[in-house]
Amino acid sequence: MNLSSINPLERLADHLEKIGGVITLPAVLTLHWALFFIWHGMDKWFNGEHFFGVRFGGLLENQALPAIGISGSLGEPMAIVVGLIEFSLGILFLLALPMVLHKHAKALNLTSLFTVLSILTFAVFTMGSVIFGERGHVQTQAIVIGALILTWIGYHIHNNADSGADS
């Protein structure tokens, strides 16, 4: 069959149908959280005026730690640890993405686990922000926790819809 004889709109519709079978809500959510956490982790390592314009270690050194009587010199190492945790969560989501795209049976378990780990991580970060008196961070972290809870719900709703369609 000569591909040039096929209507371009039919070819486009065929490609979109193939893509639609792979790109699902869980795939989009998993990619989003992978990029979110990788970006946030890198922000803590390469922070400053030449990278994202935010210096998280500086906030810890100059405001948060001194406010509770702890040496500001711990700010930079703490920022690196926080960045490592966030970056690791991003890598976990990224590693789960192929399983989600191929609709592997264990994909829901992995993505649910990583989402719960992310919620717990941000709960700990929120407790730290409360201790440090950083109200703006508490609000931002609460929004992220809410989005993660909605993600967990989205994974399960999509999985239940798929299970019902298979029956």
Foldseek 3Di string as FASTA:
>chain_A
DDPVPDDVVVVVVVVVVVVVLQDDLLLVVLLVLLVVLLVQLVCLVPPDCVPPHDHQLCCQLPAQQVVVPHHSVCSSVVSNVLSVVSNVLSVQSVVLNVCSRVVPPCSLVSLLVSLVVLLVSLVVVLVSCVNSVPVVSNVVSVVVSVVSVVSNVVSVVVVVVVVVVVD
